Amino acid sequence: MASTETCQLNEAHPPKERSIEVFSAVLPEIKSQLLSLRHLHPPAYFDAVKDLSDNDLTSFTVDNLENVRVGTTAYGMHIFGKIQLPKSDDGYIHVRVFVGGGEADKCSVHCIHIEAKENAEGGKEFRAIMKKEDELKWFNE
C-alpha cells in the first residue's frame, strides 16, 4: 500500500483538467460514502454540519473542488482533494481518490478523511468536516 514514504505528494494547488475529470467520475461515490459515514459514526463526527440535511450536505459539485495534491506510484495515481461544502459555514471534506494505471475510467474513492486527535483532557476528538485552514495532507482513513 502507498504511504508518505513511497508516494510523495506535490504541493496543494487548484485542480487542473485531469483532477477535475477524475473527481467528476467519482462524485456520486464520494457523496454516497459521505452519507454512509454520517449515518455510521456518532453525530459528533459531523457536528459542524449537524443542521444540514443529507441533500444539503451532498450539494457540492466538482466546481467545489478547491485544492488537490497528487502523487504517483508504480501502480497508479493518488489524488487528495479538498471539497467545499457549499451549504455549510466553512465546511470541507478531504477525499482520497485512486486512479489505477493512470486511467480516469479506473478510478475509485479510497476514503474520506476522518481526523482523530487528542484533546486537552487526554481524550480523543473525531471529525469528518474540516475547515478552510486545515491543510490537505496524506491520510489513509
N, C-alpha and C. Protein backbone atom coordinates (compact mmCIF):
# COMPACT_ATOMS: atom_id res chain seq x y z
N MET A 1 0.83 -1.17 0.00
CA MET A 1 0.00 0.00 0.00
C MET A 1 0.88 1.24 0.00
N ALA A 2 0.41 2.28 -0.66
CA ALA A 2 1.16 3.53 -0.73
C ALA A 2 1.19 4.21 0.63
N SER A 3 2.25 4.94 0.88
CA SER A 3 2.42 5.67 2.14
C SER A 3 3.16 6.97 1.83
N THR A 4 3.33 7.77 2.85
CA THR A 4 4.07 9.02 2.65
C THR A 4 5.51 8.75 2.24
N GLU A 5 6.03 7.59 2.60
CA GLU A 5 7.40 7.24 2.23
C GLU A 5 7.51 6.76 0.78
N THR A 6 6.46 6.16 0.25
CA THR A 6 6.51 5.60 -1.10
C THR A 6 5.82 6.45 -2.16
N CYS A 7 5.10 7.46 -1.73
CA CYS A 7 4.34 8.29 -2.67
C CYS A 7 4.40 9.74 -2.21
N GLN A 8 5.29 10.49 -2.80
CA GLN A 8 5.43 11.90 -2.45
C GLN A 8 4.34 12.72 -3.14
N LEU A 9 3.59 13.49 -2.35
CA LEU A 9 2.56 14.36 -2.90
C LEU A 9 3.15 15.71 -3.29
N ASN A 10 2.64 16.27 -4.39
CA ASN A 10 3.08 17.62 -4.75
C ASN A 10 2.38 18.63 -3.83
N GLU A 11 2.71 19.87 -3.98
CA GLU A 11 2.10 20.92 -3.17
C GLU A 11 0.63 21.09 -3.54
N ALA A 12 -0.18 21.53 -2.58
CA ALA A 12 -1.60 21.79 -2.84
C ALA A 12 -1.72 22.88 -3.90
N HIS A 13 -2.63 22.65 -4.84
CA HIS A 13 -2.84 23.61 -5.92
C HIS A 13 -4.27 23.48 -6.44
N PRO A 14 -4.77 24.51 -7.12
CA PRO A 14 -6.11 24.40 -7.71
C PRO A 14 -6.14 23.22 -8.69
N PRO A 15 -7.27 22.54 -8.80
CA PRO A 15 -7.33 21.37 -9.68
C PRO A 15 -7.14 21.74 -11.14
N LYS A 16 -6.42 20.87 -11.82
CA LYS A 16 -6.24 21.01 -13.26
C LYS A 16 -7.22 20.07 -13.96
N GLU A 17 -7.22 20.11 -15.26
CA GLU A 17 -8.20 19.35 -16.05
C GLU A 17 -8.26 17.87 -15.66
N ARG A 18 -7.13 17.25 -15.47
CA ARG A 18 -7.08 15.82 -15.15
C ARG A 18 -7.75 15.50 -13.82
N SER A 19 -7.46 16.29 -12.80
CA SER A 19 -8.08 16.09 -11.49
C SER A 19 -9.59 16.34 -11.55
N ILE A 20 -9.99 17.34 -12.28
CA ILE A 20 -11.42 17.64 -12.44
C ILE A 20 -12.12 16.46 -13.11
N GLU A 21 -11.50 15.90 -14.12
CA GLU A 21 -12.05 14.74 -14.83
C GLU A 21 -12.22 13.55 -13.87
N VAL A 22 -11.21 13.28 -13.08
CA VAL A 22 -11.26 12.15 -12.14
C VAL A 22 -12.32 12.39 -11.07
N PHE A 23 -12.34 13.57 -10.46
CA PHE A 23 -13.33 13.84 -9.42
C PHE A 23 -14.75 13.87 -9.99
N SER A 24 -14.92 14.29 -11.21
CA SER A 24 -16.24 14.22 -11.84
C SER A 24 -16.72 12.78 -11.95
N ALA A 25 -15.80 11.89 -12.28
CA ALA A 25 -16.14 10.47 -12.45
C ALA A 25 -16.55 9.82 -11.14
N VAL A 26 -15.98 10.25 -10.02
CA VAL A 26 -16.26 9.60 -8.73
C VAL A 26 -17.18 10.41 -7.82
N LEU A 27 -17.71 11.52 -8.30
CA LEU A 27 -18.54 12.38 -7.46
C LEU A 27 -19.72 11.62 -6.82
N PRO A 28 -20.45 10.80 -7.56
CA PRO A 28 -21.55 10.06 -6.91
C PRO A 28 -21.04 9.13 -5.80
N GLU A 29 -19.88 8.52 -5.99
CA GLU A 29 -19.31 7.64 -4.98
C GLU A 29 -18.88 8.43 -3.74
N ILE A 30 -18.34 9.63 -3.93
CA ILE A 30 -17.95 10.48 -2.80
C ILE A 30 -19.19 10.81 -1.97
N LYS A 31 -20.25 11.21 -2.64
CA LYS A 31 -21.48 11.59 -1.94
C LYS A 31 -22.06 10.39 -1.19
N SER A 32 -22.06 9.25 -1.81
CA SER A 32 -22.58 8.04 -1.18
C SER A 32 -21.76 7.67 0.06
N GLN A 33 -20.44 7.71 -0.06
CA GLN A 33 -19.58 7.39 1.09
C GLN A 33 -19.74 8.40 2.21
N LEU A 34 -19.90 9.68 1.86
CA LEU A 34 -20.07 10.71 2.88
C LEU A 34 -21.35 10.46 3.68
N LEU A 35 -22.43 10.15 2.99
CA LEU A 35 -23.68 9.86 3.70
C LEU A 35 -23.57 8.60 4.54
N SER A 36 -22.88 7.59 4.03
CA SER A 36 -22.67 6.37 4.81
C SER A 36 -21.90 6.67 6.09
N LEU A 37 -20.85 7.47 5.97
CA LEU A 37 -20.08 7.85 7.16
C LEU A 37 -20.94 8.61 8.15
N ARG A 38 -21.76 9.50 7.64
CA ARG A 38 -22.61 10.31 8.52
C ARG A 38 -23.56 9.43 9.34
N HIS A 39 -24.10 8.41 8.71
CA HIS A 39 -25.07 7.56 9.40
C HIS A 39 -24.41 6.42 10.19
N LEU A 40 -23.15 6.15 9.91
CA LEU A 40 -22.42 5.08 10.59
C LEU A 40 -21.77 5.56 11.89
N HIS A 41 -21.24 6.78 11.88
CA HIS A 41 -20.48 7.30 13.03
C HIS A 41 -21.37 8.10 13.97
N PRO A 42 -20.91 8.28 15.21
CA PRO A 42 -21.66 9.13 16.15
C PRO A 42 -21.80 10.55 15.60
N PRO A 43 -22.86 11.25 15.97
CA PRO A 43 -23.11 12.60 15.44
C PRO A 43 -21.96 13.58 15.64
N ALA A 44 -21.14 13.39 16.65
CA ALA A 44 -20.04 14.32 16.92
C ALA A 44 -19.10 14.47 15.72
N TYR A 45 -18.96 13.43 14.93
CA TYR A 45 -18.08 13.49 13.75
C TYR A 45 -18.55 14.57 12.78
N PHE A 46 -19.84 14.83 12.79
CA PHE A 46 -20.44 15.76 11.84
C PHE A 46 -21.07 16.97 12.52
N ASP A 47 -20.59 17.32 13.73
CA ASP A 47 -21.14 18.46 14.46
C ASP A 47 -21.14 19.74 13.63
N ALA A 48 -20.13 19.95 12.84
CA ALA A 48 -20.01 21.19 12.07
C ALA A 48 -21.11 21.35 11.04
N VAL A 49 -21.78 20.26 10.69
CA VAL A 49 -22.85 20.32 9.68
C VAL A 49 -24.14 19.68 10.21
N LYS A 50 -24.30 19.67 11.52
CA LYS A 50 -25.43 18.98 12.13
C LYS A 50 -26.78 19.52 11.68
N ASP A 51 -26.84 20.78 11.26
CA ASP A 51 -28.11 21.37 10.84
C ASP A 51 -28.41 21.16 9.35
N LEU A 52 -27.49 20.53 8.63
CA LEU A 52 -27.70 20.29 7.20
C LEU A 52 -28.42 18.97 6.97
N SER A 53 -29.34 18.98 6.03
CA SER A 53 -29.97 17.73 5.60
C SER A 53 -28.95 16.94 4.78
N ASP A 54 -29.25 15.69 4.53
CA ASP A 54 -28.38 14.89 3.67
C ASP A 54 -28.24 15.53 2.29
N ASN A 55 -29.34 16.07 1.75
CA ASN A 55 -29.29 16.71 0.44
C ASN A 55 -28.40 17.94 0.45
N ASP A 56 -28.49 18.74 1.52
CA ASP A 56 -27.64 19.93 1.62
C ASP A 56 -26.18 19.54 1.81
N LEU A 57 -25.93 18.50 2.60
CA LEU A 57 -24.56 18.05 2.83
C LEU A 57 -23.90 17.62 1.53
N THR A 58 -24.66 16.98 0.67
CA THR A 58 -24.10 16.46 -0.59
C THR A 58 -24.42 17.34 -1.79
N SER A 59 -24.64 18.62 -1.55
CA SER A 59 -24.99 19.53 -2.66
C SER A 59 -23.77 20.03 -3.44
N PHE A 60 -22.58 19.57 -3.07
CA PHE A 60 -21.36 20.02 -3.75
C PHE A 60 -21.27 19.41 -5.15
N THR A 61 -20.52 20.11 -5.99
CA THR A 61 -20.24 19.65 -7.35
C THR A 61 -18.72 19.67 -7.53
N VAL A 62 -18.28 19.26 -8.68
CA VAL A 62 -16.84 19.29 -8.95
C VAL A 62 -16.31 20.73 -8.92
N ASP A 63 -17.18 21.70 -9.11
CA ASP A 63 -16.76 23.11 -9.03
C ASP A 63 -16.34 23.50 -7.61
N ASN A 64 -16.74 22.72 -6.62
CA ASN A 64 -16.36 22.98 -5.23
C ASN A 64 -15.04 22.34 -4.84
N LEU A 65 -14.41 21.65 -5.77
CA LEU A 65 -13.08 21.07 -5.54
C LEU A 65 -12.08 22.23 -5.56
N GLU A 66 -11.57 22.61 -4.39
CA GLU A 66 -10.72 23.80 -4.29
C GLU A 66 -9.24 23.53 -4.50
N ASN A 67 -8.75 22.44 -3.91
CA ASN A 67 -7.33 22.14 -4.00
C ASN A 67 -7.13 20.65 -4.14
N VAL A 68 -6.01 20.29 -4.76
CA VAL A 68 -5.62 18.88 -4.87
C VAL A 68 -4.13 18.76 -4.59
N ARG A 69 -3.76 17.55 -4.22
CA ARG A 69 -2.35 17.15 -4.13
C ARG A 69 -2.28 15.79 -4.80
N VAL A 70 -1.26 15.59 -5.61
CA VAL A 70 -1.16 14.39 -6.43
C VAL A 70 0.18 13.70 -6.19
N GLY A 71 0.12 12.39 -6.13
CA GLY A 71 1.32 11.57 -6.02
C GLY A 71 1.18 10.36 -6.92
N THR A 72 2.30 9.87 -7.42
CA THR A 72 2.28 8.73 -8.34
C THR A 72 3.10 7.58 -7.78
N THR A 73 2.56 6.37 -7.98
CA THR A 73 3.29 5.15 -7.64
C THR A 73 3.34 4.29 -8.90
N ALA A 74 4.02 3.16 -8.83
CA ALA A 74 4.15 2.28 -9.99
C ALA A 74 2.79 1.76 -10.47
N TYR A 75 1.83 1.70 -9.58
CA TYR A 75 0.54 1.10 -9.93
C TYR A 75 -0.59 2.11 -10.10
N GLY A 76 -0.30 3.40 -9.98
CA GLY A 76 -1.35 4.38 -10.22
C GLY A 76 -1.08 5.72 -9.58
N MET A 77 -2.11 6.54 -9.60
CA MET A 77 -2.02 7.91 -9.13
C MET A 77 -2.95 8.08 -7.92
N HIS A 78 -2.48 8.82 -6.94
CA HIS A 78 -3.25 9.12 -5.74
C HIS A 78 -3.54 10.62 -5.75
N ILE A 79 -4.82 10.96 -5.73
CA ILE A 79 -5.22 12.37 -5.75
C ILE A 79 -5.98 12.66 -4.46
N PHE A 80 -5.48 13.62 -3.72
CA PHE A 80 -6.13 14.08 -2.50
C PHE A 80 -6.83 15.39 -2.84
N GLY A 81 -8.10 15.50 -2.51
CA GLY A 81 -8.85 16.70 -2.85
C GLY A 81 -9.54 17.33 -1.66
N LYS A 82 -9.62 18.64 -1.68
CA LYS A 82 -10.32 19.41 -0.65
C LYS A 82 -11.56 19.99 -1.31
N ILE A 83 -12.73 19.54 -0.83
CA ILE A 83 -14.01 19.94 -1.41
C ILE A 83 -14.78 20.79 -0.42
N GLN A 84 -15.20 21.97 -0.86
CA GLN A 84 -16.02 22.85 -0.03
C GLN A 84 -17.45 22.33 -0.01
N LEU A 85 -18.07 22.37 1.15
CA LEU A 85 -19.49 22.03 1.29
C LEU A 85 -20.26 23.34 1.22
N PRO A 86 -20.87 23.64 0.07
CA PRO A 86 -21.41 24.98 -0.17
C PRO A 86 -22.54 25.40 0.76
N LYS A 87 -23.27 24.47 1.34
CA LYS A 87 -24.38 24.83 2.22
C LYS A 87 -23.95 24.94 3.68
N SER A 88 -22.65 24.78 3.93
CA SER A 88 -22.15 24.84 5.30
C SER A 88 -21.40 26.15 5.53
N ASP A 89 -21.13 26.41 6.79
CA ASP A 89 -20.33 27.57 7.16
C ASP A 89 -18.90 27.10 7.37
N ASP A 90 -18.04 27.26 6.37
CA ASP A 90 -16.63 26.87 6.45
C ASP A 90 -16.42 25.36 6.58
N GLY A 91 -17.27 24.57 5.94
CA GLY A 91 -17.14 23.12 5.98
C GLY A 91 -16.49 22.57 4.72
N TYR A 92 -15.58 21.62 4.90
CA TYR A 92 -14.87 20.98 3.80
C TYR A 92 -14.73 19.50 4.10
N ILE A 93 -14.60 18.71 3.06
CA ILE A 93 -14.20 17.33 3.25
C ILE A 93 -12.90 17.11 2.48
N HIS A 94 -12.09 16.19 2.99
CA HIS A 94 -10.85 15.81 2.32
C HIS A 94 -11.06 14.39 1.82
N VAL A 95 -10.82 14.20 0.54
CA VAL A 95 -11.10 12.94 -0.13
C VAL A 95 -9.84 12.42 -0.80
N ARG A 96 -9.66 11.11 -0.73
CA ARG A 96 -8.53 10.46 -1.40
C ARG A 96 -9.08 9.55 -2.49
N VAL A 97 -8.60 9.77 -3.71
CA VAL A 97 -9.04 9.00 -4.88
C VAL A 97 -7.83 8.28 -5.46
N PHE A 98 -8.05 7.07 -5.89
CA PHE A 98 -7.00 6.29 -6.54
C PHE A 98 -7.36 6.10 -8.00
N VAL A 99 -6.38 6.29 -8.87
CA VAL A 99 -6.56 6.10 -10.31
C VAL A 99 -5.59 5.00 -10.74
N GLY A 100 -6.13 3.82 -11.02
CA GLY A 100 -5.31 2.67 -11.40
C GLY A 100 -4.70 2.83 -12.77
N GLY A 101 -3.40 2.69 -12.85
CA GLY A 101 -2.71 2.80 -14.13
C GLY A 101 -2.84 4.14 -14.80
N GLY A 102 -3.28 5.15 -14.03
CA GLY A 102 -3.41 6.49 -14.59
C GLY A 102 -4.64 6.71 -15.45
N GLU A 103 -5.56 5.75 -15.49
CA GLU A 103 -6.74 5.86 -16.34
C GLU A 103 -7.93 6.38 -15.54
N ALA A 104 -8.56 7.46 -16.01
CA ALA A 104 -9.69 8.05 -15.30
C ALA A 104 -10.86 7.09 -15.17
N ASP A 105 -11.01 6.16 -16.12
CA ASP A 105 -12.13 5.22 -16.03
C ASP A 105 -11.84 4.09 -15.05
N LYS A 106 -10.64 4.08 -14.46
CA LYS A 106 -10.27 3.08 -13.46
C LYS A 106 -10.05 3.75 -12.11
N CYS A 107 -10.88 4.73 -11.80
CA CYS A 107 -10.68 5.47 -10.56
C CYS A 107 -11.75 5.09 -9.54
N SER A 108 -11.37 5.23 -8.27
CA SER A 108 -12.30 4.93 -7.18
C SER A 108 -11.94 5.78 -5.96
N VAL A 109 -12.93 5.97 -5.13
CA VAL A 109 -12.70 6.70 -3.89
C VAL A 109 -12.02 5.76 -2.92
N HIS A 110 -10.85 6.15 -2.46
CA HIS A 110 -10.13 5.35 -1.46
C HIS A 110 -10.76 5.59 -0.09
N CYS A 111 -10.93 6.87 0.28
CA CYS A 111 -11.54 7.18 1.57
C CYS A 111 -11.82 8.68 1.70
N ILE A 112 -12.63 8.99 2.68
CA ILE A 112 -12.87 10.37 3.11
C ILE A 112 -12.20 10.50 4.47
N HIS A 113 -11.44 11.55 4.64
CA HIS A 113 -10.64 11.72 5.85
C HIS A 113 -11.52 11.93 7.08
N ILE A 114 -11.22 11.17 8.11
CA ILE A 114 -11.80 11.37 9.43
C ILE A 114 -10.62 11.55 10.38
N GLU A 115 -10.60 12.69 11.02
CA GLU A 115 -9.48 13.03 11.88
C GLU A 115 -9.74 12.59 13.32
N ALA A 116 -8.74 12.03 13.93
CA ALA A 116 -8.77 11.70 15.35
C ALA A 116 -7.59 12.40 16.01
N LYS A 117 -7.86 13.20 17.01
CA LYS A 117 -6.76 13.88 17.71
C LYS A 117 -7.07 13.96 19.19
N GLU A 118 -6.02 14.07 19.97
CA GLU A 118 -6.18 14.17 21.41
C GLU A 118 -6.63 15.57 21.79
N ASN A 119 -7.53 15.63 22.78
CA ASN A 119 -7.97 16.92 23.27
C ASN A 119 -7.21 17.27 24.56
N ALA A 120 -7.49 18.41 25.13
CA ALA A 120 -6.78 18.90 26.31
C ALA A 120 -6.97 18.00 27.52
N GLU A 121 -8.08 17.27 27.56
CA GLU A 121 -8.36 16.38 28.70
C GLU A 121 -7.73 15.01 28.53
N GLY A 122 -7.01 14.78 27.44
CA GLY A 122 -6.38 13.50 27.21
C GLY A 122 -7.26 12.50 26.48
N GLY A 123 -8.45 12.90 26.15
CA GLY A 123 -9.35 12.04 25.37
C GLY A 123 -9.15 12.26 23.88
N LYS A 124 -10.02 11.69 23.10
CA LYS A 124 -9.95 11.83 21.65
C LYS A 124 -11.13 12.64 21.13
N GLU A 125 -10.88 13.40 20.08
CA GLU A 125 -11.91 14.11 19.34
C GLU A 125 -11.86 13.62 17.91
N PHE A 126 -13.01 13.45 17.32
CA PHE A 126 -13.11 12.96 15.95
C PHE A 126 -13.92 13.95 15.13
N ARG A 127 -13.52 14.09 13.87
CA ARG A 127 -14.31 14.93 12.96
C ARG A 127 -14.12 14.48 11.53
N ALA A 128 -15.15 14.65 10.76
CA ALA A 128 -15.11 14.36 9.34
C ALA A 128 -15.19 15.64 8.52
N ILE A 129 -15.57 16.72 9.16
CA ILE A 129 -15.72 18.01 8.47
C ILE A 129 -14.54 18.89 8.85
N MET A 130 -13.78 19.26 7.85
CA MET A 130 -12.59 20.09 8.04
C MET A 130 -12.96 21.55 7.82
N LYS A 131 -11.98 22.43 8.00
CA LYS A 131 -12.16 23.87 7.78
C LYS A 131 -11.22 24.33 6.69
N LYS A 132 -11.45 25.54 6.20
CA LYS A 132 -10.63 26.09 5.12
C LYS A 132 -9.15 26.07 5.46
N GLU A 133 -8.81 26.41 6.70
CA GLU A 133 -7.40 26.50 7.07
C GLU A 133 -6.74 25.14 7.30
N ASP A 134 -7.50 24.06 7.33
CA ASP A 134 -6.92 22.73 7.54
C ASP A 134 -6.14 22.29 6.29
N GLU A 135 -4.91 21.92 6.53
CA GLU A 135 -4.02 21.51 5.45
C GLU A 135 -4.48 20.19 4.83
N LEU A 136 -4.40 20.13 3.53
CA LEU A 136 -4.67 18.89 2.80
C LEU A 136 -3.39 18.07 2.84
N LYS A 137 -3.41 17.00 3.64
CA LYS A 137 -2.21 16.20 3.81
C LYS A 137 -2.54 14.72 3.67
N TRP A 138 -1.52 13.91 3.68
CA TRP A 138 -1.67 12.46 3.50
C TRP A 138 -2.57 11.86 4.58
N PHE A 139 -3.49 10.99 4.20
CA PHE A 139 -4.29 10.24 5.17
C PHE A 139 -4.64 8.89 4.55
N ASN A 140 -4.85 7.91 5.41
CA ASN A 140 -5.21 6.56 4.99
C ASN A 140 -6.64 6.19 5.32
N GLU A 141 -7.25 6.89 6.24
CA GLU A 141 -8.61 6.55 6.65
C GLU A 141 -9.61 7.48 6.05
